[in-house]
Amino acid sequence: MQTYYYVLASQHFLMEEEPIAEVLKERTRNYHEQEKAIDFWLIKQPAFIEAPEMKDIKAKCPQPAAAIISTNKQFITWLQLRLEYVITGEFLAPSETISNPLESLSAVA
């Protein structure tokens, strides 16, 4: 199993109020220059928050939610400090309750 770290917020906050697209675009460019594999993903309506162990986290986050998920803990910590009003955490996947860590409940992810 892999540990995934996340920042979770409302879609409105994460995708409209914050210039997150610019941040992710710059990070993607940097990764390509360093020939590093992408280890972060922006997910609208992430399915992992539907897992029973995420019930309390989901209740704290305005819906519809969005998440940036990464295998890089430092990147998520940096995002948390930059964005401030987000929920952070981690989970292991694949697991019995989270089969696909990057799954979206949105028809168009």
PDB file of N, CA and C in Angstrom:
ATOM      1  N   MET A   1       0.843  -1.189   0.000  1.00  0.00           N
ATOM      2  CA  MET A   1       0.000   0.000   0.000  1.00  0.00           C
ATOM      3  C   MET A   1       0.882   1.244   0.000  1.00  0.00           C
ATOM      4  N   GLN A   2       0.334   2.286  -0.557  1.00  0.00           N
ATOM      5  CA  GLN A   2       1.010   3.580  -0.673  1.00  0.00           C
ATOM      6  C   GLN A   2       0.321   4.584   0.255  1.00  0.00           C
ATOM      7  N   THR A   3       1.088   5.470   0.872  1.00  0.00           N
ATOM      8  CA  THR A   3       0.509   6.560   1.652  1.00  0.00           C
ATOM      9  C   THR A   3       0.252   7.737   0.728  1.00  0.00           C
ATOM     10  N   TYR A   4      -0.966   8.236   0.778  1.00  0.00           N
ATOM     11  CA  TYR A   4      -1.364   9.421   0.017  1.00  0.00           C
ATOM     12  C   TYR A   4      -1.682  10.535   1.008  1.00  0.00           C
ATOM     13  N   TYR A   5      -1.207  11.730   0.699  1.00  0.00           N
ATOM     14  CA  TYR A   5      -1.456  12.910   1.521  1.00  0.00           C
ATOM     15  C   TYR A   5      -2.381  13.820   0.729  1.00  0.00           C
ATOM     16  N   TYR A   6      -3.183  14.608   1.425  1.00  0.00           N
ATOM     17  CA  TYR A   6      -4.140  15.439   0.698  1.00  0.00           C
ATOM     18  C   TYR A   6      -4.390  16.770   1.377  1.00  0.00           C
ATOM     19  N   VAL A   7      -4.809  17.737   0.558  1.00  0.00           N
ATOM     20  CA  VAL A   7      -5.465  18.951   1.032  1.00  0.00           C
ATOM     21  C   VAL A   7      -6.862  18.874   0.453  1.00  0.00           C
ATOM     22  N   LEU A   8      -7.839  19.174   1.274  1.00  0.00           N
ATOM     23  CA  LEU A   8      -9.242  19.053   0.902  1.00  0.00           C
ATOM     24  C   LEU A   8      -9.934  20.364   1.221  1.00  0.00           C
ATOM     25  N   ALA A   9     -10.750  20.829   0.291  1.00  0.00           N
ATOM     26  CA  ALA A   9     -11.518  22.062   0.495  1.00  0.00           C
ATOM     27  C   ALA A   9     -12.719  22.024  -0.437  1.00  0.00           C
ATOM     28  N   SER A  10     -13.551  23.046  -0.339  1.00  0.00           N
ATOM     29  CA  SER A  10     -14.662  23.127  -1.284  1.00  0.00           C
ATOM     30  C   SER A  10     -14.094  23.377  -2.675  1.00  0.00           C
ATOM     31  N   GLN A  11     -14.787  22.885  -3.695  1.00  0.00           N
ATOM     32  CA  GLN A  11     -14.344  23.143  -5.076  1.00  0.00           C
ATOM     33  C   GLN A  11     -14.262  24.631  -5.336  1.00  0.00           C
ATOM     34  N   HIS A  12     -15.243  25.374  -4.841  1.00  0.00           N
ATOM     35  CA  HIS A  12     -15.261  26.819  -5.067  1.00  0.00           C
ATOM     36  C   HIS A  12     -13.988  27.468  -4.520  1.00  0.00           C
ATOM     37  N   PHE A  13     -13.627  27.146  -3.287  1.00  0.00           N
ATOM     38  CA  PHE A  13     -12.438  27.735  -2.690  1.00  0.00           C
ATOM     39  C   PHE A  13     -11.182  27.310  -3.430  1.00  0.00           C
ATOM     40  N   LEU A  14     -11.019  26.016  -3.608  1.00  0.00           N
ATOM     41  CA  LEU A  14      -9.769  25.489  -4.163  1.00  0.00           C
ATOM     42  C   LEU A  14      -9.576  25.845  -5.633  1.00  0.00           C
ATOM     43  N   MET A  15     -10.659  25.895  -6.399  1.00  0.00           N
ATOM     44  CA  MET A  15     -10.506  26.064  -7.837  1.00  0.00           C
ATOM     45  C   MET A  15     -10.873  27.452  -8.349  1.00  0.00           C
ATOM     46  N   GLU A  16     -11.559  28.253  -7.540  1.00  0.00           N
ATOM     47  CA  GLU A  16     -11.951  29.583  -8.007  1.00  0.00           C
ATOM     48  C   GLU A  16     -11.335  30.709  -7.184  1.00  0.00           C
ATOM     49  N   GLU A  17     -11.325  30.555  -5.874  1.00  0.00           N
ATOM     50  CA  GLU A  17     -10.794  31.624  -5.033  1.00  0.00           C
ATOM     51  C   GLU A  17      -9.272  31.629  -4.979  1.00  0.00           C
ATOM     52  N   GLU A  18      -8.660  30.479  -5.144  1.00  0.00           N
ATOM     53  CA  GLU A  18      -7.207  30.358  -5.095  1.00  0.00           C
ATOM     54  C   GLU A  18      -6.659  30.112  -6.503  1.00  0.00           C
ATOM     55  N   PRO A  19      -5.497  30.680  -6.801  1.00  0.00           N
ATOM     56  CA  PRO A  19      -4.886  30.457  -8.129  1.00  0.00           C
ATOM     57  C   PRO A  19      -4.174  29.107  -8.199  1.00  0.00           C
ATOM     58  N   ILE A  20      -4.877  28.048  -7.834  1.00  0.00           N
ATOM     59  CA  ILE A  20      -4.256  26.729  -7.731  1.00  0.00           C
ATOM     60  C   ILE A  20      -3.800  26.200  -9.090  1.00  0.00           C
ATOM     61  N   ALA A  21      -4.499  26.578 -10.154  1.00  0.00           N
ATOM     62  CA  ALA A  21      -4.094  26.123 -11.490  1.00  0.00           C
ATOM     63  C   ALA A  21      -2.682  26.610 -11.812  1.00  0.00           C
ATOM     64  N   GLU A  22      -2.378  27.847 -11.441  1.00  0.00           N
ATOM     65  CA  GLU A  22      -1.034  28.391 -11.678  1.00  0.00           C
ATOM     66  C   GLU A  22       0.013  27.632 -10.876  1.00  0.00           C
ATOM     67  N   VAL A  23      -0.296  27.326  -9.631  1.00  0.00           N
ATOM     68  CA  VAL A  23       0.632  26.598  -8.763  1.00  0.00           C
ATOM     69  C   VAL A  23       0.924  25.220  -9.345  1.00  0.00           C
ATOM     70  N   LEU A  24      -0.130  24.512  -9.750  1.00  0.00           N
ATOM     71  CA  LEU A  24       0.053  23.164 -10.292  1.00  0.00           C
ATOM     72  C   LEU A  24       0.758  23.193 -11.648  1.00  0.00           C
ATOM     73  N   LYS A  25       0.465  24.197 -12.454  1.00  0.00           N
ATOM     74  CA  LYS A  25       1.132  24.333 -13.756  1.00  0.00           C
ATOM     75  C   LYS A  25       2.636  24.558 -13.561  1.00  0.00           C
ATOM     76  N   GLU A  26       2.991  25.428 -12.633  1.00  0.00           N
ATOM     77  CA  GLU A  26       4.402  25.694 -12.362  1.00  0.00           C
ATOM     78  C   GLU A  26       5.104  24.458 -11.810  1.00  0.00           C
ATOM     79  N   ARG A  27       4.431  23.758 -10.918  1.00  0.00           N
ATOM     80  CA  ARG A  27       5.026  22.542 -10.355  1.00  0.00           C
ATOM     81  C   ARG A  27       5.195  21.474 -11.437  1.00  0.00           C
ATOM     82  N   THR A  28       4.229  21.341 -12.330  1.00  0.00           N
ATOM     83  CA  THR A  28       4.333  20.390 -13.440  1.00  0.00           C
ATOM     84  C   THR A  28       5.521  20.740 -14.335  1.00  0.00           C
ATOM     85  N   ARG A  29       5.656  22.026 -14.665  1.00  0.00           N
ATOM     86  CA  ARG A  29       6.785  22.474 -15.488  1.00  0.00           C
ATOM     87  C   ARG A  29       8.111  22.119 -14.814  1.00  0.00           C
ATOM     88  N   ASN A  30       8.194  22.398 -13.513  1.00  0.00           N
ATOM     89  CA  ASN A  30       9.407  22.101 -12.753  1.00  0.00           C
ATOM     90  C   ASN A  30       9.722  20.608 -12.766  1.00  0.00           C
ATOM     91  N   TYR A  31       8.704  19.779 -12.594  1.00  0.00           N
ATOM     92  CA  TYR A  31       8.905  18.326 -12.612  1.00  0.00           C
ATOM     93  C   TYR A  31       9.418  17.869 -13.982  1.00  0.00           C
ATOM     94  N   HIS A  32       8.855  18.414 -15.053  1.00  0.00           N
ATOM     95  CA  HIS A  32       9.304  18.031 -16.396  1.00  0.00           C
ATOM     96  C   HIS A  32      10.762  18.431 -16.610  1.00  0.00           C
ATOM     97  N   GLU A  33      11.137  19.604 -16.155  1.00  0.00           N
ATOM     98  CA  GLU A  33      12.526  20.053 -16.288  1.00  0.00           C
ATOM     99  C   GLU A  33      13.482  19.130 -15.538  1.00  0.00           C
ATOM    100  N   GLN A  34      13.047  18.622 -14.400  1.00  0.00           N
ATOM    101  CA  GLN A  34      13.878  17.730 -13.592  1.00  0.00           C
ATOM    102  C   GLN A  34      13.712  16.264 -13.980  1.00  0.00           C
ATOM    103  N   GLU A  35      12.873  16.016 -14.995  1.00  0.00           N
ATOM    104  CA  GLU A  35      12.565  14.661 -15.439  1.00  0.00           C
ATOM    105  C   GLU A  35      12.063  13.807 -14.271  1.00  0.00           C
ATOM    106  N   LYS A  36      11.214  14.419 -13.466  1.00  0.00           N
ATOM    107  CA  LYS A  36      10.634  13.761 -12.297  1.00  0.00           C
ATOM    108  C   LYS A  36       9.191  13.373 -12.610  1.00  0.00           C
ATOM    109  N   ALA A  37       8.778  12.208 -12.153  1.00  0.00           N
ATOM    110  CA  ALA A  37       7.403  11.741 -12.377  1.00  0.00           C
ATOM    111  C   ALA A  37       6.424  12.579 -11.547  1.00  0.00           C
ATOM    112  N   ILE A  38       5.270  12.856 -12.131  1.00  0.00           N
ATOM    113  CA  ILE A  38       4.223  13.606 -11.435  1.00  0.00           C
ATOM    114  C   ILE A  38       3.728  12.770 -10.252  1.00  0.00           C
ATOM    115  N   ASP A  39       3.670  13.397  -9.082  1.00  0.00           N
ATOM    116  CA  ASP A  39       3.228  12.701  -7.876  1.00  0.00           C
ATOM    117  C   ASP A  39       2.107  13.460  -7.159  1.00  0.00           C
ATOM    118  N   PHE A  40       1.340  14.234  -7.937  1.00  0.00           N
ATOM    119  CA  PHE A  40       0.225  14.980  -7.371  1.00  0.00           C
ATOM    120  C   PHE A  40      -0.903  15.053  -8.384  1.00  0.00           C
ATOM    121  N   TRP A  41      -2.143  15.126  -7.877  1.00  0.00           N
ATOM    122  CA  TRP A  41      -3.319  15.117  -8.734  1.00  0.00           C
ATOM    123  C   TRP A  41      -4.397  15.997  -8.115  1.00  0.00           C
ATOM    124  N   LEU A  42      -5.115  16.733  -8.949  1.00  0.00           N
ATOM    125  CA  LEU A  42      -6.269  17.520  -8.521  1.00  0.00           C
ATOM    126  C   LEU A  42      -7.513  16.702  -8.838  1.00  0.00           C
ATOM    127  N   ILE A  43      -8.318  16.419  -7.827  1.00  0.00           N
ATOM    128  CA  ILE A  43      -9.489  15.565  -7.989  1.00  0.00           C
ATOM    129  C   ILE A  43     -10.738  16.326  -7.539  1.00  0.00           C
ATOM    130  N   LYS A  44     -11.698  16.462  -8.451  1.00  0.00           N
ATOM    131  CA  LYS A  44     -12.998  17.016  -8.080  1.00  0.00           C
ATOM    132  C   LYS A  44     -13.838  15.895  -7.480  1.00  0.00           C
ATOM    133  N   GLN A  45     -14.566  16.199  -6.427  1.00  0.00           N
ATOM    134  CA  GLN A  45     -15.406  15.235  -5.737  1.00  0.00           C
ATOM    135  C   GLN A  45     -14.670  13.909  -5.508  1.00  0.00           C
ATOM    136  N   PRO A  46     -13.595  13.966  -4.726  1.00  0.00           N
ATOM    137  CA  PRO A  46     -12.798  12.756  -4.509  1.00  0.00           C
ATOM    138  C   PRO A  46     -13.589  11.658  -3.800  1.00  0.00           C
ATOM    139  N   ALA A  47     -13.470  10.459  -4.329  1.00  0.00           N
ATOM    140  CA  ALA A  47     -14.224   9.324  -3.774  1.00  0.00           C
ATOM    141  C   ALA A  47     -13.687   8.877  -2.419  1.00  0.00           C
ATOM    142  N   PHE A  48     -12.413   9.142  -2.131  1.00  0.00           N
ATOM    143  CA  PHE A  48     -11.862   8.654  -0.872  1.00  0.00           C
ATOM    144  C   PHE A  48     -12.586   9.210   0.357  1.00  0.00           C
ATOM    145  N   ILE A  49     -13.224  10.375   0.232  1.00  0.00           N
ATOM    146  CA  ILE A  49     -13.922  10.928   1.398  1.00  0.00           C
ATOM    147  C   ILE A  49     -15.237  10.188   1.692  1.00  0.00           C
ATOM    148  N   GLU A  50     -15.622   9.279   0.807  1.00  0.00           N
ATOM    149  CA  GLU A  50     -16.810   8.453   1.047  1.00  0.00           C
ATOM    150  C   GLU A  50     -16.502   7.216   1.890  1.00  0.00           C
ATOM    151  N   ALA A  51     -15.224   6.940   2.120  1.00  0.00           N
ATOM    152  CA  ALA A  51     -14.849   5.784   2.942  1.00  0.00           C
ATOM    153  C   ALA A  51     -15.342   6.007   4.374  1.00  0.00           C
ATOM    154  N   PRO A  52     -15.790   4.942   5.039  1.00  0.00           N
ATOM    155  CA  PRO A  52     -16.327   5.090   6.397  1.00  0.00           C
ATOM    156  C   PRO A  52     -15.374   5.811   7.365  1.00  0.00           C
ATOM    157  N   GLU A  53     -14.084   5.558   7.239  1.00  0.00           N
ATOM    158  CA  GLU A  53     -13.125   6.191   8.147  1.00  0.00           C
ATOM    159  C   GLU A  53     -12.938   7.689   7.869  1.00  0.00           C
ATOM    160  N   MET A  54     -13.495   8.181   6.759  1.00  0.00           N
ATOM    161  CA  MET A  54     -13.397   9.602   6.409  1.00  0.00           C
ATOM    162  C   MET A  54     -14.676  10.378   6.722  1.00  0.00           C
ATOM    163  N   LYS A  55     -15.611   9.745   7.398  1.00  0.00           N
ATOM    164  CA  LYS A  55     -16.911  10.363   7.690  1.00  0.00           C
ATOM    165  C   LYS A  55     -16.761  11.731   8.359  1.00  0.00           C
ATOM    166  N   ASP A  56     -15.913  11.832   9.378  1.00  0.00           N
ATOM    167  CA  ASP A  56     -15.737  13.100  10.095  1.00  0.00           C
ATOM    168  C   ASP A  56     -15.072  14.158   9.221  1.00  0.00           C
ATOM    169  N   ILE A  57     -14.129  13.744   8.397  1.00  0.00           N
ATOM    170  CA  ILE A  57     -13.450  14.681   7.487  1.00  0.00           C
ATOM    171  C   ILE A  57     -14.447  15.234   6.476  1.00  0.00           C
ATOM    172  N   LYS A  58     -15.247  14.357   5.885  1.00  0.00           N
ATOM    173  CA  LYS A  58     -16.243  14.798   4.911  1.00  0.00           C
ATOM    174  C   LYS A  58     -17.223  15.784   5.544  1.00  0.00           C
ATOM    175  N   ALA A  59     -17.618  15.532   6.774  1.00  0.00           N
ATOM    176  CA  ALA A  59     -18.575  16.408   7.454  1.00  0.00           C
ATOM    177  C   ALA A  59     -18.021  17.815   7.673  1.00  0.00           C
ATOM    178  N   LYS A  60     -16.708  17.951   7.756  1.00  0.00           N
ATOM    179  CA  LYS A  60     -16.066  19.256   7.984  1.00  0.00           C
ATOM    180  C   LYS A  60     -15.883  20.068   6.702  1.00  0.00           C
ATOM    181  N   CYS A  61     -15.998  19.422   5.556  1.00  0.00           N
ATOM    182  CA  CYS A  61     -15.676  20.079   4.287  1.00  0.00           C
ATOM    183  C   CYS A  61     -16.932  20.445   3.517  1.00  0.00           C
ATOM    184  N   PRO A  62     -17.064  21.718   3.134  1.00  0.00           N
ATOM    185  CA  PRO A  62     -18.206  22.107   2.297  1.00  0.00           C
ATOM    186  C   PRO A  62     -18.197  21.317   0.986  1.00  0.00           C
ATOM    187  N   GLN A  63     -19.383  20.928   0.545  1.00  0.00           N
ATOM    188  CA  GLN A  63     -19.531  20.136  -0.680  1.00  0.00           C
ATOM    189  C   GLN A  63     -20.041  21.015  -1.815  1.00  0.00           C
ATOM    190  N   PRO A  64     -19.734  20.741  -3.047  1.00  0.00           N
ATOM    191  CA  PRO A  64     -18.859  19.665  -3.499  1.00  0.00           C
ATOM    192  C   PRO A  64     -17.410  19.986  -3.154  1.00  0.00           C
ATOM    193  N   ALA A  65     -16.672  18.953  -2.865  1.00  0.00           N
ATOM    194  CA  ALA A  65     -15.281  19.091  -2.447  1.00  0.00           C
ATOM    195  C   ALA A  65     -14.329  18.876  -3.615  1.00  0.00           C
ATOM    196  N   ALA A  66     -13.092  19.287  -3.396  1.00  0.00           N
ATOM    197  CA  ALA A  66     -11.994  19.007  -4.315  1.00  0.00           C
ATOM    198  C   ALA A  66     -10.773  18.720  -3.459  1.00  0.00           C
ATOM    199  N   ALA A  67      -9.855  17.945  -3.987  1.00  0.00           N
ATOM    200  CA  ALA A  67      -8.649  17.604  -3.236  1.00  0.00           C
ATOM    201  C   ALA A  67      -7.441  17.611  -4.158  1.00  0.00           C
ATOM    202  N   ILE A  68      -6.330  17.965  -3.579  1.00  0.00           N
ATOM    203  CA  ILE A  68      -5.041  17.733  -4.234  1.00  0.00           C
ATOM    204  C   ILE A  68      -4.424  16.603  -3.435  1.00  0.00           C
ATOM    205  N   ILE A  69      -4.123  15.531  -4.142  1.00  0.00           N
ATOM    206  CA  ILE A  69      -3.588  14.318  -3.528  1.00  0.00           C
ATOM    207  C   ILE A  69      -2.162  14.150  -4.028  1.00  0.00           C
ATOM    208  N   SER A  70      -1.275  13.730  -3.133  1.00  0.00           N
ATOM    209  CA  SER A  70       0.118  13.538  -3.517  1.00  0.00           C
ATOM    210  C   SER A  70       0.744  12.425  -2.687  1.00  0.00           C
ATOM    211  N   THR A  71       1.786  11.854  -3.216  1.00  0.00           N
ATOM    212  CA  THR A  71       2.592  10.917  -2.441  1.00  0.00           C
ATOM    213  C   THR A  71       3.742  11.661  -1.766  1.00  0.00           C
ATOM    214  N   ASN A  72       3.818  12.966  -1.989  1.00  0.00           N
ATOM    215  CA  ASN A  72       4.876  13.812  -1.448  1.00  0.00           C
ATOM    216  C   ASN A  72       4.322  14.640  -0.276  1.00  0.00           C
ATOM    217  N   LYS A  73       4.645  14.221   0.927  1.00  0.00           N
ATOM    218  CA  LYS A  73       4.125  14.885   2.127  1.00  0.00           C
ATOM    219  C   LYS A  73       4.560  16.354   2.203  1.00  0.00           C
ATOM    220  N   GLN A  74       5.784  16.658   1.809  1.00  0.00           N
ATOM    221  CA  GLN A  74       6.283  18.024   1.878  1.00  0.00           C
ATOM    222  C   GLN A  74       5.487  18.963   0.976  1.00  0.00           C
ATOM    223  N   PHE A  75       5.080  18.487  -0.187  1.00  0.00           N
ATOM    224  CA  PHE A  75       4.288  19.313  -1.092  1.00  0.00           C
ATOM    225  C   PHE A  75       2.932  19.648  -0.464  1.00  0.00           C
ATOM    226  N   ILE A  76       2.308  18.673   0.154  1.00  0.00           N
ATOM    227  CA  ILE A  76       1.010  18.904   0.791  1.00  0.00           C
ATOM    228  C   ILE A  76       1.169  19.853   1.978  1.00  0.00           C
ATOM    229  N   THR A  77       2.237  19.708   2.743  1.00  0.00           N
ATOM    230  CA  THR A  77       2.496  20.629   3.852  1.00  0.00           C
ATOM    231  C   THR A  77       2.680  22.050   3.324  1.00  0.00           C
ATOM    232  N   TRP A  78       3.409  22.202   2.240  1.00  0.00           N
ATOM    233  CA  TRP A  78       3.614  23.516   1.631  1.00  0.00           C
ATOM    234  C   TRP A  78       2.279  24.103   1.162  1.00  0.00           C
ATOM    235  N   LEU A  79       1.445  23.281   0.525  1.00  0.00           N
ATOM    236  CA  LEU A  79       0.123  23.754   0.091  1.00  0.00           C
ATOM    237  C   LEU A  79      -0.728  24.186   1.280  1.00  0.00           C
ATOM    238  N   GLN A  80      -0.679  23.417   2.351  1.00  0.00           N
ATOM    239  CA  GLN A  80      -1.458  23.756   3.540  1.00  0.00           C
ATOM    240  C   GLN A  80      -1.047  25.134   4.066  1.00  0.00           C
ATOM    241  N   LEU A  81       0.228  25.397   4.116  1.00  0.00           N
ATOM    242  CA  LEU A  81       0.708  26.695   4.607  1.00  0.00           C
ATOM    243  C   LEU A  81       0.332  27.823   3.657  1.00  0.00           C
ATOM    244  N   ARG A  82       0.327  27.543   2.377  1.00  0.00           N
ATOM    245  CA  ARG A  82       0.004  28.558   1.377  1.00  0.00           C
ATOM    246  C   ARG A  82      -1.497  28.852   1.326  1.00  0.00           C
ATOM    247  N   LEU A  83      -2.309  27.812   1.440  1.00  0.00           N
ATOM    248  CA  LEU A  83      -3.749  27.964   1.267  1.00  0.00           C
ATOM    249  C   LEU A  83      -4.488  28.265   2.573  1.00  0.00           C
ATOM    250  N   GLU A  84      -3.944  27.861   3.692  1.00  0.00           N
ATOM    251  CA  GLU A  84      -4.497  28.075   5.029  1.00  0.00           C
ATOM    252  C   GLU A  84      -5.814  27.357   5.295  1.00  0.00           C
ATOM    253  N   TYR A  85      -6.891  27.698   4.593  1.00  0.00           N
ATOM    254  CA  TYR A  85      -8.227  27.194   4.929  1.00  0.00           C
ATOM    255  C   TYR A  85      -8.546  25.877   4.235  1.00  0.00           C
ATOM    256  N   VAL A  86      -7.745  24.870   4.531  1.00  0.00           N
ATOM    257  CA  VAL A  86      -7.938  23.548   3.943  1.00  0.00           C
ATOM    258  C   VAL A  86      -7.831  22.494   5.042  1.00  0.00           C
ATOM    259  N   ILE A  87      -8.337  21.329   4.749  1.00  0.00           N
ATOM    260  CA  ILE A  87      -8.207  20.180   5.641  1.00  0.00           C
ATOM    261  C   ILE A  87      -7.102  19.308   5.063  1.00  0.00           C
ATOM    262  N   THR A  88      -6.215  18.842   5.902  1.00  0.00           N
ATOM    263  CA  THR A  88      -5.148  17.965   5.425  1.00  0.00           C
ATOM    264  C   THR A  88      -5.230  16.630   6.146  1.00  0.00           C
ATOM    265  N   GLY A  89      -4.643  15.634   5.524  1.00  0.00           N
ATOM    266  CA  GLY A  89      -4.603  14.316   6.136  1.00  0.00           C
ATOM    267  C   GLY A  89      -3.879  13.340   5.243  1.00  0.00           C
ATOM    268  N   GLU A  90      -4.019  12.091   5.586  1.00  0.00           N
ATOM    269  CA  GLU A  90      -3.384  11.036   4.799  1.00  0.00           C
ATOM    270  C   GLU A  90      -4.207   9.765   4.903  1.00  0.00           C
ATOM    271  N   PHE A  91      -3.991   8.889   3.944  1.00  0.00           N
ATOM    272  CA  PHE A  91      -4.643   7.579   3.958  1.00  0.00           C
ATOM    273  C   PHE A  91      -3.782   6.599   3.187  1.00  0.00           C
ATOM    274  N   LEU A  92      -4.019   5.333   3.424  1.00  0.00           N
ATOM    275  CA  LEU A  92      -3.325   4.263   2.708  1.00  0.00           C
ATOM    276  C   LEU A  92      -4.251   3.704   1.640  1.00  0.00           C
ATOM    277  N   ALA A  93      -3.704   3.436   0.485  1.00  0.00           N
ATOM    278  CA  ALA A  93      -4.501   2.843  -0.595  1.00  0.00           C
ATOM    279  C   ALA A  93      -3.569   2.078  -1.530  1.00  0.00           C
ATOM    280  N   PRO A  94      -4.072   1.104  -2.233  1.00  0.00           N
ATOM    281  CA  PRO A  94      -5.453   0.629  -2.183  1.00  0.00           C
ATOM    282  C   PRO A  94      -5.716  -0.124  -0.882  1.00  0.00           C
ATOM    283  N   SER A  95      -6.958  -0.002  -0.438  1.00  0.00           N
ATOM    284  CA  SER A  95      -7.376  -0.678   0.787  1.00  0.00           C
ATOM    285  C   SER A  95      -8.779  -1.237   0.563  1.00  0.00           C
ATOM    286  N   GLU A  96      -9.315  -1.842   1.582  1.00  0.00           N
ATOM    287  CA  GLU A  96     -10.655  -2.417   1.471  1.00  0.00           C
ATOM    288  C   GLU A  96     -11.709  -1.329   1.219  1.00  0.00           C
ATOM    289  N   THR A  97     -11.503  -0.149   1.803  1.00  0.00           N
ATOM    290  CA  THR A  97     -12.498   0.920   1.672  1.00  0.00           C
ATOM    291  C   THR A  97     -12.126   1.983   0.641  1.00  0.00           C
ATOM    292  N   ILE A  98     -10.853   2.031   0.251  1.00  0.00           N
ATOM    293  CA  ILE A  98     -10.401   2.991  -0.775  1.00  0.00           C
ATOM    294  C   ILE A  98      -9.617   2.206  -1.820  1.00  0.00           C
ATOM    295  N   SER A  99     -10.330   1.736  -2.835  1.00  0.00           N
ATOM    296  CA  SER A  99      -9.672   0.893  -3.841  1.00  0.00           C
ATOM    297  C   SER A  99      -8.840   1.716  -4.828  1.00  0.00           C
ATOM    298  N   ASN A 100      -9.323   2.921  -5.166  1.00  0.00           N
ATOM    299  CA  ASN A 100      -8.613   3.781  -6.111  1.00  0.00           C
ATOM    300  C   ASN A 100      -8.461   5.163  -5.479  1.00  0.00           C
ATOM    301  N   PRO A 101      -7.260   5.534  -5.038  1.00  0.00           N
ATOM    302  CA  PRO A 101      -7.078   6.807  -4.340  1.00  0.00           C
ATOM    303  C   PRO A 101      -7.370   8.033  -5.195  1.00  0.00           C
ATOM    304  N   LEU A 102      -7.336   7.892  -6.509  1.00  0.00           N
ATOM    305  CA  LEU A 102      -7.534   9.026  -7.408  1.00  0.00           C
ATOM    306  C   LEU A 102      -8.923   9.065  -8.026  1.00  0.00           C
ATOM    307  N   GLU A 103      -9.809   8.209  -7.579  1.00  0.00           N
ATOM    308  CA  GLU A 103     -11.157   8.135  -8.135  1.00  0.00           C
ATOM    309  C   GLU A 103     -11.958   9.394  -7.794  1.00  0.00           C
ATOM    310  N   SER A 104     -12.761   9.808  -8.766  1.00  0.00           N
ATOM    311  CA  SER A 104     -13.644  10.960  -8.605  1.00  0.00           C
ATOM    312  C   SER A 104     -15.085  10.504  -8.723  1.00  0.00           C
ATOM    313  N   LEU A 105     -15.953  11.156  -7.960  1.00  0.00           N
ATOM    314  CA  LEU A 105     -17.379  10.884  -8.075  1.00  0.00           C
ATOM    315  C   LEU A 105     -18.021  11.790  -9.120  1.00  0.00           C
ATOM    316  N   SER A 106     -17.247  12.720  -9.645  1.00  0.00           N
ATOM    317  CA  SER A 106     -17.703  13.656 -10.657  1.00  0.00           C
ATOM    318  C   SER A 106     -17.740  12.971 -12.016  1.00  0.00           C
ATOM    319  N   ALA A 107     -18.747  13.263 -12.799  1.00  0.00           N
ATOM    320  CA  ALA A 107     -18.849  12.684 -14.145  1.00  0.00           C
ATOM    321  C   ALA A 107     -17.695  13.143 -15.022  1.00  0.00           C
ATOM    322  N   VAL A 108     -17.261  14.387 -14.811  1.00  0.00           N
ATOM    323  CA  VAL A 108     -16.126  14.945 -15.558  1.00  0.00           C
ATOM    324  C   VAL A 108     -15.088  15.373 -14.533  1.00  0.00           C
ATOM    325  N   ALA A 109     -14.070  14.558 -14.358  1.00  0.00           N
ATOM    326  CA  ALA A 109     -13.040  14.840 -13.353  1.00  0.00           C
ATOM    327  C   ALA A 109     -11.984  15.762 -13.884  1.00  0.00           C
TER     328      ALA A 109
END
